[in-house]
Amino acid sequence: MAIEKEIKEKETAPAEEQSLVTYQTPESSEYGEIVLSINRCSKVVKGGRNFSFGALVVVGDKNGKVGYGYGKANEVSDAIRKGGEAAKKNMVTVPRRGLTVPHSVTAKYSGSSVLIRPASEGTGMIAGGTMRAVLSLAGVVDVLTKSLGSSNPSNVVKATFKAIRMMQSKEQVLEKLGKI
């Protein structure tokens, strides 16, 4: 009885904890991958139901590059693989100032709004599950975030990427003003 209870405790992990999968790509650079959500779709046909799966995957190198992708397939593993491939094609560079973001930014996508603010050194990452995955894979360590509105993972990820695209480093701003 005690052994069965111990096994059950090991098998159940908190829902907030995403698994980080690290893999090697042909370019010999290392990327981390997190599966944020898996959606099951069913289609009723003459012989019963056909199931297909969609996987939302975030990929990053923990050094300022991060991307997301959505893969759809009849098997979960194929959907995750396709999502990872799509994420690698959709990479963006996250401007950073030290270990935090350069400035505060608010972005809205569909029903989701996100607020990302810089934090002082040692604060850590204060973020919800979806934004935490994106920012941790981008290599941001100290940041304050808030997700407002819809908590749909797909919309929160898209709003987070919209916020990342709105961010500018000090060098980018000076170049835009013609000071460099």
N, C-alpha and C. Protein backbone atom coordinates (compact mmCIF):
# COMPACT_ATOMS: atom_id res chain seq x y z
N MET A 1 0.82 -1.20 0.00
CA MET A 1 0.00 0.00 0.00
C MET A 1 0.86 1.26 0.00
N ALA A 2 1.89 1.26 0.82
CA ALA A 2 2.74 2.45 0.91
C ALA A 2 3.47 2.68 -0.41
N ILE A 3 3.86 1.59 -1.07
CA ILE A 3 4.58 1.72 -2.36
C ILE A 3 3.65 2.30 -3.42
N GLU A 4 2.39 1.83 -3.49
CA GLU A 4 1.44 2.36 -4.47
C GLU A 4 1.19 3.84 -4.25
N LYS A 5 1.07 4.25 -2.97
CA LYS A 5 0.84 5.66 -2.64
C LYS A 5 2.04 6.50 -3.08
N GLU A 6 3.25 5.96 -2.85
CA GLU A 6 4.46 6.67 -3.24
C GLU A 6 4.55 6.83 -4.76
N ILE A 7 4.17 5.80 -5.50
CA ILE A 7 4.18 5.86 -6.96
C ILE A 7 3.19 6.90 -7.46
N LYS A 8 1.99 6.94 -6.88
CA LYS A 8 0.98 7.91 -7.28
C LYS A 8 1.46 9.33 -7.04
N GLU A 9 2.16 9.57 -5.90
CA GLU A 9 2.67 10.91 -5.60
C GLU A 9 3.70 11.34 -6.63
N LYS A 10 4.54 10.39 -7.08
CA LYS A 10 5.57 10.72 -8.07
C LYS A 10 4.97 11.00 -9.44
N GLU A 11 3.91 10.32 -9.80
CA GLU A 11 3.30 10.46 -11.13
C GLU A 11 2.56 11.78 -11.30
N THR A 12 1.96 12.30 -10.23
CA THR A 12 1.18 13.52 -10.35
C THR A 12 2.04 14.74 -10.07
N ALA A 13 2.18 15.58 -11.05
CA ALA A 13 2.93 16.82 -10.92
C ALA A 13 1.94 17.98 -10.98
N PRO A 14 2.27 19.11 -10.38
CA PRO A 14 1.36 20.25 -10.44
C PRO A 14 1.09 20.67 -11.88
N ALA A 15 -0.13 21.15 -12.13
CA ALA A 15 -0.52 21.54 -13.49
C ALA A 15 0.28 22.74 -13.97
N GLU A 16 0.73 23.60 -13.04
CA GLU A 16 1.45 24.81 -13.43
C GLU A 16 2.84 24.49 -13.95
N GLU A 17 3.40 23.34 -13.54
CA GLU A 17 4.77 22.99 -13.88
C GLU A 17 4.84 22.42 -15.29
N GLN A 18 5.46 23.15 -16.22
CA GLN A 18 5.60 22.65 -17.57
C GLN A 18 6.92 21.89 -17.67
N SER A 19 6.94 20.90 -18.51
CA SER A 19 8.18 20.14 -18.68
C SER A 19 9.03 20.82 -19.75
N LEU A 20 10.29 21.02 -19.43
CA LEU A 20 11.23 21.63 -20.37
C LEU A 20 11.99 20.52 -21.07
N VAL A 21 11.85 20.46 -22.37
CA VAL A 21 12.54 19.45 -23.16
C VAL A 21 13.65 20.16 -23.93
N THR A 22 14.88 19.69 -23.77
CA THR A 22 16.00 20.29 -24.47
C THR A 22 16.45 19.34 -25.57
N TYR A 23 16.68 19.86 -26.76
CA TYR A 23 17.11 19.01 -27.85
C TYR A 23 18.14 19.74 -28.69
N GLN A 24 18.91 19.00 -29.45
CA GLN A 24 19.97 19.55 -30.28
C GLN A 24 19.47 19.70 -31.71
N THR A 25 19.73 20.84 -32.33
CA THR A 25 19.34 21.06 -33.72
C THR A 25 20.57 20.90 -34.61
N PRO A 26 20.39 20.75 -35.91
CA PRO A 26 21.53 20.58 -36.82
C PRO A 26 22.53 21.74 -36.77
N GLU A 27 22.09 22.95 -36.45
CA GLU A 27 23.01 24.09 -36.39
C GLU A 27 23.86 24.06 -35.13
N SER A 28 23.77 22.99 -34.34
CA SER A 28 24.51 22.78 -33.10
C SER A 28 24.25 23.87 -32.06
N SER A 29 23.10 24.51 -32.12
CA SER A 29 22.70 25.43 -31.07
C SER A 29 21.57 24.75 -30.29
N GLU A 30 21.54 24.99 -29.01
CA GLU A 30 20.60 24.27 -28.16
C GLU A 30 19.33 25.09 -27.92
N TYR A 31 18.18 24.46 -28.13
CA TYR A 31 16.90 25.10 -27.89
C TYR A 31 16.13 24.31 -26.84
N GLY A 32 15.37 25.05 -26.01
CA GLY A 32 14.46 24.41 -25.06
C GLY A 32 13.06 24.49 -25.64
N GLU A 33 12.23 23.52 -25.33
CA GLU A 33 10.88 23.45 -25.88
C GLU A 33 9.89 23.19 -24.75
N ILE A 34 8.81 23.95 -24.72
CA ILE A 34 7.75 23.74 -23.74
C ILE A 34 6.42 23.60 -24.47
N VAL A 35 5.67 22.56 -24.15
CA VAL A 35 4.34 22.36 -24.71
C VAL A 35 3.35 23.04 -23.77
N LEU A 36 2.70 24.09 -24.24
CA LEU A 36 1.78 24.86 -23.39
C LEU A 36 0.39 24.26 -23.32
N SER A 37 -0.12 23.79 -24.44
CA SER A 37 -1.46 23.19 -24.41
C SER A 37 -1.61 22.18 -25.53
N ILE A 38 -2.42 21.18 -25.25
CA ILE A 38 -2.77 20.18 -26.26
C ILE A 38 -4.28 20.15 -26.35
N ASN A 39 -4.81 20.40 -27.53
CA ASN A 39 -6.26 20.42 -27.74
C ASN A 39 -6.68 19.20 -28.55
N ARG A 40 -7.76 18.57 -28.11
CA ARG A 40 -8.28 17.41 -28.84
C ARG A 40 -9.54 17.82 -29.58
N CYS A 41 -9.58 17.49 -30.85
CA CYS A 41 -10.76 17.77 -31.68
C CYS A 41 -11.36 16.44 -32.11
N SER A 42 -12.67 16.37 -32.19
CA SER A 42 -13.28 15.13 -32.67
C SER A 42 -14.22 15.44 -33.82
N LYS A 43 -14.27 14.51 -34.75
CA LYS A 43 -15.13 14.63 -35.92
C LYS A 43 -15.97 13.35 -35.98
N VAL A 44 -17.27 13.49 -36.01
CA VAL A 44 -18.14 12.31 -36.06
C VAL A 44 -18.28 11.86 -37.51
N VAL A 45 -17.92 10.61 -37.74
CA VAL A 45 -18.01 10.02 -39.08
C VAL A 45 -18.87 8.76 -38.98
N LYS A 46 -19.09 8.12 -40.12
CA LYS A 46 -19.96 6.95 -40.17
C LYS A 46 -19.52 5.84 -39.21
N GLY A 47 -18.23 5.59 -39.11
CA GLY A 47 -17.74 4.49 -38.27
C GLY A 47 -17.51 4.87 -36.82
N GLY A 48 -17.74 6.09 -36.43
CA GLY A 48 -17.51 6.52 -35.04
C GLY A 48 -16.96 7.93 -35.01
N ARG A 49 -15.92 8.13 -34.20
CA ARG A 49 -15.32 9.46 -34.07
C ARG A 49 -13.87 9.42 -34.53
N ASN A 50 -13.45 10.46 -35.22
CA ASN A 50 -12.04 10.64 -35.56
C ASN A 50 -11.49 11.75 -34.67
N PHE A 51 -10.36 11.47 -34.00
CA PHE A 51 -9.74 12.47 -33.14
C PHE A 51 -8.51 13.04 -33.81
N SER A 52 -8.33 14.35 -33.64
CA SER A 52 -7.09 14.99 -34.07
C SER A 52 -6.64 15.88 -32.92
N PHE A 53 -5.37 16.23 -32.93
CA PHE A 53 -4.79 16.97 -31.81
C PHE A 53 -4.07 18.21 -32.32
N GLY A 54 -4.13 19.25 -31.52
CA GLY A 54 -3.38 20.47 -31.80
C GLY A 54 -2.50 20.77 -30.60
N ALA A 55 -1.25 21.15 -30.84
CA ALA A 55 -0.31 21.43 -29.76
C ALA A 55 0.30 22.82 -29.93
N LEU A 56 0.24 23.61 -28.85
CA LEU A 56 0.86 24.93 -28.82
C LEU A 56 2.23 24.77 -28.17
N VAL A 57 3.29 25.07 -28.91
CA VAL A 57 4.66 24.83 -28.46
C VAL A 57 5.45 26.13 -28.50
N VAL A 58 6.26 26.36 -27.45
CA VAL A 58 7.16 27.51 -27.40
C VAL A 58 8.59 26.98 -27.40
N VAL A 59 9.45 27.59 -28.23
CA VAL A 59 10.85 27.17 -28.36
C VAL A 59 11.73 28.40 -28.12
N GLY A 60 12.83 28.22 -27.36
CA GLY A 60 13.75 29.33 -27.12
C GLY A 60 15.14 28.84 -26.78
N ASP A 61 16.12 29.76 -26.91
CA ASP A 61 17.51 29.39 -26.63
C ASP A 61 18.01 29.96 -25.30
N LYS A 62 17.15 30.63 -24.53
CA LYS A 62 17.49 31.25 -23.24
C LYS A 62 18.56 32.33 -23.41
N ASN A 63 18.68 32.84 -24.61
CA ASN A 63 19.67 33.89 -24.88
C ASN A 63 19.08 34.98 -25.76
N GLY A 64 17.78 35.24 -25.63
CA GLY A 64 17.15 36.33 -26.36
C GLY A 64 16.37 35.93 -27.60
N LYS A 65 16.34 34.66 -27.96
CA LYS A 65 15.57 34.22 -29.13
C LYS A 65 14.48 33.28 -28.66
N VAL A 66 13.23 33.53 -29.11
CA VAL A 66 12.09 32.70 -28.71
C VAL A 66 11.06 32.71 -29.83
N GLY A 67 10.30 31.62 -29.95
CA GLY A 67 9.27 31.52 -30.98
C GLY A 67 8.16 30.59 -30.53
N TYR A 68 7.01 30.69 -31.16
CA TYR A 68 5.90 29.80 -30.84
C TYR A 68 5.33 29.23 -32.14
N GLY A 69 4.69 28.07 -32.00
CA GLY A 69 4.08 27.44 -33.17
C GLY A 69 2.93 26.56 -32.74
N TYR A 70 2.01 26.33 -33.66
CA TYR A 70 0.86 25.48 -33.40
C TYR A 70 0.88 24.36 -34.44
N GLY A 71 0.94 23.12 -33.96
CA GLY A 71 0.96 21.98 -34.87
C GLY A 71 -0.29 21.15 -34.72
N LYS A 72 -0.83 20.66 -35.85
CA LYS A 72 -2.03 19.82 -35.82
C LYS A 72 -1.73 18.51 -36.52
N ALA A 73 -2.18 17.40 -35.89
CA ALA A 73 -1.97 16.08 -36.48
C ALA A 73 -2.92 15.09 -35.83
N ASN A 74 -2.95 13.86 -36.36
CA ASN A 74 -3.82 12.82 -35.80
C ASN A 74 -3.22 12.18 -34.55
N GLU A 75 -1.93 12.37 -34.30
CA GLU A 75 -1.26 11.85 -33.11
C GLU A 75 -0.67 13.02 -32.32
N VAL A 76 -0.63 12.88 -30.99
CA VAL A 76 -0.12 13.95 -30.14
C VAL A 76 1.35 14.23 -30.43
N SER A 77 2.16 13.18 -30.55
CA SER A 77 3.60 13.36 -30.77
C SER A 77 3.88 14.08 -32.09
N ASP A 78 3.11 13.76 -33.13
CA ASP A 78 3.28 14.45 -34.42
C ASP A 78 2.89 15.92 -34.31
N ALA A 79 1.83 16.19 -33.56
CA ALA A 79 1.39 17.58 -33.38
C ALA A 79 2.46 18.39 -32.64
N ILE A 80 3.07 17.80 -31.62
CA ILE A 80 4.13 18.49 -30.88
C ILE A 80 5.34 18.74 -31.77
N ARG A 81 5.71 17.74 -32.57
CA ARG A 81 6.85 17.88 -33.49
C ARG A 81 6.60 19.00 -34.49
N LYS A 82 5.39 19.01 -35.08
CA LYS A 82 5.03 20.05 -36.06
C LYS A 82 5.01 21.43 -35.41
N GLY A 83 4.49 21.50 -34.18
CA GLY A 83 4.47 22.77 -33.46
C GLY A 83 5.87 23.29 -33.19
N GLY A 84 6.80 22.37 -32.83
CA GLY A 84 8.19 22.77 -32.60
C GLY A 84 8.85 23.28 -33.86
N GLU A 85 8.58 22.62 -34.99
CA GLU A 85 9.14 23.07 -36.27
C GLU A 85 8.59 24.45 -36.65
N ALA A 86 7.29 24.65 -36.43
CA ALA A 86 6.69 25.96 -36.73
C ALA A 86 7.26 27.03 -35.82
N ALA A 87 7.52 26.68 -34.56
CA ALA A 87 8.06 27.64 -33.60
C ALA A 87 9.47 28.08 -34.00
N LYS A 88 10.27 27.15 -34.50
CA LYS A 88 11.63 27.50 -34.91
C LYS A 88 11.65 28.42 -36.12
N LYS A 89 10.59 28.36 -36.95
CA LYS A 89 10.49 29.25 -38.11
C LYS A 89 9.97 30.63 -37.71
N ASN A 90 9.37 30.73 -36.52
CA ASN A 90 8.72 31.96 -36.08
C ASN A 90 9.47 32.58 -34.90
N MET A 91 10.81 32.61 -34.96
CA MET A 91 11.62 33.11 -33.86
C MET A 91 11.73 34.64 -33.90
N VAL A 92 11.70 35.25 -32.71
CA VAL A 92 11.90 36.69 -32.59
C VAL A 92 13.00 36.93 -31.56
N THR A 93 13.63 38.08 -31.64
CA THR A 93 14.67 38.46 -30.68
C THR A 93 14.05 39.33 -29.60
N VAL A 94 14.32 38.98 -28.35
CA VAL A 94 13.78 39.73 -27.22
C VAL A 94 14.84 40.73 -26.77
N PRO A 95 14.54 42.05 -26.85
CA PRO A 95 15.50 43.03 -26.36
C PRO A 95 15.59 42.92 -24.84
N ARG A 96 16.82 42.92 -24.32
CA ARG A 96 17.01 42.81 -22.88
C ARG A 96 17.96 43.89 -22.39
N ARG A 97 17.80 44.26 -21.14
CA ARG A 97 18.74 45.16 -20.46
C ARG A 97 19.22 44.40 -19.23
N GLY A 98 20.37 43.79 -19.36
CA GLY A 98 20.86 42.91 -18.31
C GLY A 98 20.04 41.63 -18.31
N LEU A 99 19.39 41.35 -17.19
CA LEU A 99 18.56 40.15 -17.08
C LEU A 99 17.07 40.47 -17.11
N THR A 100 16.72 41.71 -17.43
CA THR A 100 15.31 42.10 -17.46
C THR A 100 14.98 42.71 -18.82
N VAL A 101 13.75 43.18 -18.96
CA VAL A 101 13.32 43.81 -20.20
C VAL A 101 13.64 45.31 -20.14
N PRO A 102 13.79 45.99 -21.28
CA PRO A 102 14.22 47.39 -21.26
C PRO A 102 13.18 48.38 -20.71
N HIS A 103 11.89 48.13 -20.95
CA HIS A 103 10.87 49.08 -20.49
C HIS A 103 9.52 48.37 -20.37
N SER A 104 8.56 49.06 -19.76
CA SER A 104 7.21 48.51 -19.61
C SER A 104 6.48 48.54 -20.94
N VAL A 105 5.65 47.54 -21.15
CA VAL A 105 4.87 47.49 -22.38
C VAL A 105 3.55 46.75 -22.10
N THR A 106 2.49 47.21 -22.75
CA THR A 106 1.19 46.56 -22.66
C THR A 106 0.75 46.21 -24.06
N ALA A 107 0.24 45.00 -24.24
CA ALA A 107 -0.22 44.56 -25.56
C ALA A 107 -1.52 43.79 -25.41
N LYS A 108 -2.35 43.87 -26.45
CA LYS A 108 -3.64 43.18 -26.45
C LYS A 108 -3.77 42.37 -27.72
N TYR A 109 -4.20 41.12 -27.56
CA TYR A 109 -4.53 40.30 -28.72
C TYR A 109 -5.85 39.61 -28.42
N SER A 110 -6.85 39.82 -29.26
CA SER A 110 -8.18 39.26 -29.07
C SER A 110 -8.69 39.64 -27.67
N GLY A 111 -9.00 38.67 -26.83
CA GLY A 111 -9.53 38.98 -25.50
C GLY A 111 -8.47 39.04 -24.42
N SER A 112 -7.20 38.81 -24.78
CA SER A 112 -6.13 38.77 -23.78
C SER A 112 -5.29 40.04 -23.84
N SER A 113 -4.99 40.56 -22.66
CA SER A 113 -4.06 41.68 -22.54
C SER A 113 -2.93 41.25 -21.62
N VAL A 114 -1.72 41.69 -21.93
CA VAL A 114 -0.58 41.39 -21.07
C VAL A 114 0.17 42.67 -20.75
N LEU A 115 0.72 42.72 -19.55
CA LEU A 115 1.53 43.83 -19.08
C LEU A 115 2.88 43.24 -18.69
N ILE A 116 3.97 43.74 -19.25
CA ILE A 116 5.31 43.28 -18.93
C ILE A 116 6.11 44.48 -18.46
N ARG A 117 6.68 44.37 -17.24
CA ARG A 117 7.44 45.48 -16.65
C ARG A 117 8.82 45.00 -16.22
N PRO A 118 9.83 45.86 -16.34
CA PRO A 118 11.16 45.47 -15.85
C PRO A 118 11.16 45.38 -14.32
N ALA A 119 12.05 44.58 -13.79
CA ALA A 119 12.16 44.42 -12.34
C ALA A 119 13.62 44.56 -11.93
N SER A 120 13.84 44.95 -10.68
CA SER A 120 15.21 45.09 -10.20
C SER A 120 15.85 43.71 -10.04
N GLU A 121 17.18 43.71 -10.01
CA GLU A 121 17.92 42.46 -9.94
C GLU A 121 17.59 41.70 -8.66
N GLY A 122 17.35 40.41 -8.80
CA GLY A 122 17.03 39.57 -7.65
C GLY A 122 15.54 39.38 -7.42
N THR A 123 14.70 40.08 -8.19
CA THR A 123 13.25 39.96 -8.03
C THR A 123 12.76 38.59 -8.47
N GLY A 124 13.33 38.10 -9.54
CA GLY A 124 12.88 36.83 -10.11
C GLY A 124 11.77 37.06 -11.12
N MET A 125 11.19 35.97 -11.57
CA MET A 125 10.13 36.05 -12.57
C MET A 125 8.78 35.93 -11.88
N ILE A 126 8.02 37.00 -11.93
CA ILE A 126 6.67 36.99 -11.39
C ILE A 126 5.74 37.01 -12.59
N ALA A 127 5.27 35.81 -12.97
CA ALA A 127 4.49 35.68 -14.20
C ALA A 127 3.60 34.45 -14.10
N GLY A 128 2.50 34.47 -14.85
CA GLY A 128 1.63 33.31 -14.94
C GLY A 128 2.27 32.24 -15.81
N GLY A 129 1.66 31.08 -15.87
CA GLY A 129 2.24 29.93 -16.55
C GLY A 129 2.59 30.14 -18.01
N THR A 130 1.69 30.73 -18.77
CA THR A 130 1.91 30.89 -20.20
C THR A 130 3.01 31.91 -20.48
N MET A 131 2.93 33.07 -19.84
CA MET A 131 3.95 34.10 -20.05
C MET A 131 5.28 33.67 -19.45
N ARG A 132 5.25 32.94 -18.34
CA ARG A 132 6.47 32.45 -17.70
C ARG A 132 7.26 31.56 -18.67
N ALA A 133 6.55 30.69 -19.40
CA ALA A 133 7.22 29.80 -20.34
C ALA A 133 7.92 30.59 -21.44
N VAL A 134 7.23 31.58 -22.00
CA VAL A 134 7.79 32.37 -23.09
C VAL A 134 9.01 33.17 -22.61
N LEU A 135 8.87 33.86 -21.49
CA LEU A 135 9.95 34.73 -21.01
C LEU A 135 11.14 33.94 -20.48
N SER A 136 10.90 32.79 -19.85
CA SER A 136 12.02 31.99 -19.35
C SER A 136 12.82 31.41 -20.52
N LEU A 137 12.15 30.98 -21.60
CA LEU A 137 12.87 30.48 -22.77
C LEU A 137 13.58 31.60 -23.52
N ALA A 138 13.16 32.85 -23.29
CA ALA A 138 13.83 34.00 -23.91
C ALA A 138 15.07 34.41 -23.11
N GLY A 139 15.19 33.91 -21.89
CA GLY A 139 16.35 34.22 -21.06
C GLY A 139 16.14 35.40 -20.14
N VAL A 140 14.91 35.85 -19.98
CA VAL A 140 14.60 36.95 -19.07
C VAL A 140 14.49 36.36 -17.66
N VAL A 141 15.21 36.95 -16.69
CA VAL A 141 15.23 36.40 -15.33
C VAL A 141 14.38 37.24 -14.38
N ASP A 142 14.54 38.57 -14.42
CA ASP A 142 13.83 39.46 -13.51
C ASP A 142 12.77 40.23 -14.28
N VAL A 143 11.51 39.94 -14.01
CA VAL A 143 10.42 40.62 -14.73
C VAL A 143 9.14 40.52 -13.92
N LEU A 144 8.30 41.55 -14.04
CA LEU A 144 6.97 41.57 -13.43
C LEU A 144 5.95 41.55 -14.56
N THR A 145 5.00 40.62 -14.52
CA THR A 145 4.01 40.55 -15.59
C THR A 145 2.62 40.38 -15.00
N LYS A 146 1.64 40.73 -15.79
CA LYS A 146 0.24 40.50 -15.42
C LYS A 146 -0.53 40.18 -16.69
N SER A 147 -1.31 39.12 -16.63
CA SER A 147 -2.17 38.74 -17.74
C SER A 147 -3.59 39.16 -17.39
N LEU A 148 -4.18 39.96 -18.24
CA LEU A 148 -5.53 40.47 -17.99
C LEU A 148 -6.48 39.94 -19.06
N GLY A 149 -7.73 39.81 -18.72
CA GLY A 149 -8.72 39.36 -19.69
C GLY A 149 -8.70 37.85 -19.83
N SER A 150 -8.84 37.38 -21.05
CA SER A 150 -8.92 35.96 -21.34
C SER A 150 -7.62 35.24 -20.98
N SER A 151 -7.74 34.03 -20.43
CA SER A 151 -6.56 33.24 -20.07
C SER A 151 -6.31 32.13 -21.08
N ASN A 152 -6.95 32.20 -22.25
CA ASN A 152 -6.74 31.23 -23.31
C ASN A 152 -5.25 31.23 -23.68
N PRO A 153 -4.55 30.07 -23.52
CA PRO A 153 -3.09 30.06 -23.75
C PRO A 153 -2.68 30.58 -25.12
N SER A 154 -3.43 30.28 -26.15
CA SER A 154 -3.09 30.73 -27.49
C SER A 154 -3.11 32.25 -27.58
N ASN A 155 -4.15 32.87 -27.06
CA ASN A 155 -4.24 34.34 -27.11
C ASN A 155 -3.22 35.00 -26.20
N VAL A 156 -2.92 34.41 -25.04
CA VAL A 156 -1.92 34.99 -24.14
C VAL A 156 -0.54 34.94 -24.78
N VAL A 157 -0.21 33.84 -25.45
CA VAL A 157 1.09 33.73 -26.14
C VAL A 157 1.17 34.76 -27.25
N LYS A 158 0.11 34.91 -28.03
CA LYS A 158 0.13 35.89 -29.13
C LYS A 158 0.24 37.31 -28.60
N ALA A 159 -0.44 37.60 -27.49
CA ALA A 159 -0.33 38.93 -26.87
C ALA A 159 1.08 39.16 -26.32
N THR A 160 1.68 38.12 -25.75
CA THR A 160 3.05 38.24 -25.22
C THR A 160 4.03 38.51 -26.35
N PHE A 161 3.88 37.82 -27.47
CA PHE A 161 4.78 38.05 -28.61
C PHE A 161 4.55 39.43 -29.21
N LYS A 162 3.32 39.90 -29.19
CA LYS A 162 3.04 41.26 -29.68
C LYS A 162 3.76 42.27 -28.78
N ALA A 163 3.74 42.03 -27.46
CA ALA A 163 4.44 42.91 -26.52
C ALA A 163 5.95 42.86 -26.75
N ILE A 164 6.48 41.68 -27.00
CA ILE A 164 7.92 41.54 -27.24
C ILE A 164 8.32 42.31 -28.50
N ARG A 165 7.49 42.24 -29.54
CA ARG A 165 7.79 42.97 -30.79
C ARG A 165 7.73 44.49 -30.59
N MET A 166 6.93 44.94 -29.61
CA MET A 166 6.81 46.37 -29.34
C MET A 166 8.01 46.91 -28.57
N MET A 167 8.75 46.03 -27.88
CA MET A 167 9.89 46.46 -27.08
C MET A 167 11.05 46.89 -27.96
N GLN A 168 11.78 47.92 -27.48
CA GLN A 168 12.97 48.40 -28.19
C GLN A 168 14.09 48.59 -27.19
N SER A 169 15.30 48.22 -27.59
CA SER A 169 16.45 48.43 -26.73
C SER A 169 16.89 49.89 -26.85
N LYS A 170 17.78 50.30 -25.95
CA LYS A 170 18.28 51.67 -25.97
C LYS A 170 18.98 51.97 -27.30
N GLU A 171 19.74 51.00 -27.80
CA GLU A 171 20.47 51.19 -29.06
C GLU A 171 19.50 51.38 -30.24
N GLN A 172 18.40 50.61 -30.25
CA GLN A 172 17.42 50.73 -31.32
C GLN A 172 16.78 52.11 -31.33
N VAL A 173 16.47 52.65 -30.13
CA VAL A 173 15.84 53.97 -30.03
C VAL A 173 16.82 55.05 -30.50
N LEU A 174 18.08 54.97 -30.05
CA LEU A 174 19.07 55.96 -30.46
C LEU A 174 19.32 55.92 -31.96
N GLU A 175 19.34 54.72 -32.53
CA GLU A 175 19.53 54.59 -33.98
C GLU A 175 18.35 55.19 -34.73
N LYS A 176 17.16 55.00 -34.20
CA LYS A 176 15.95 55.55 -34.83
C LYS A 176 15.98 57.08 -34.81
N LEU A 177 16.52 57.64 -33.72
CA LEU A 177 16.58 59.10 -33.60
C LEU A 177 17.78 59.68 -34.36
N GLY A 178 18.66 58.82 -34.86
CA GLY A 178 19.81 59.29 -35.62
C GLY A 178 20.97 59.73 -34.74
N LYS A 179 21.01 59.29 -33.49
CA LYS A 179 22.07 59.70 -32.55
C LYS A 179 23.32 58.81 -32.67
N ILE A 180 23.17 57.66 -33.34
CA ILE A 180 24.33 56.75 -33.45
C ILE A 180 24.88 56.83 -34.86
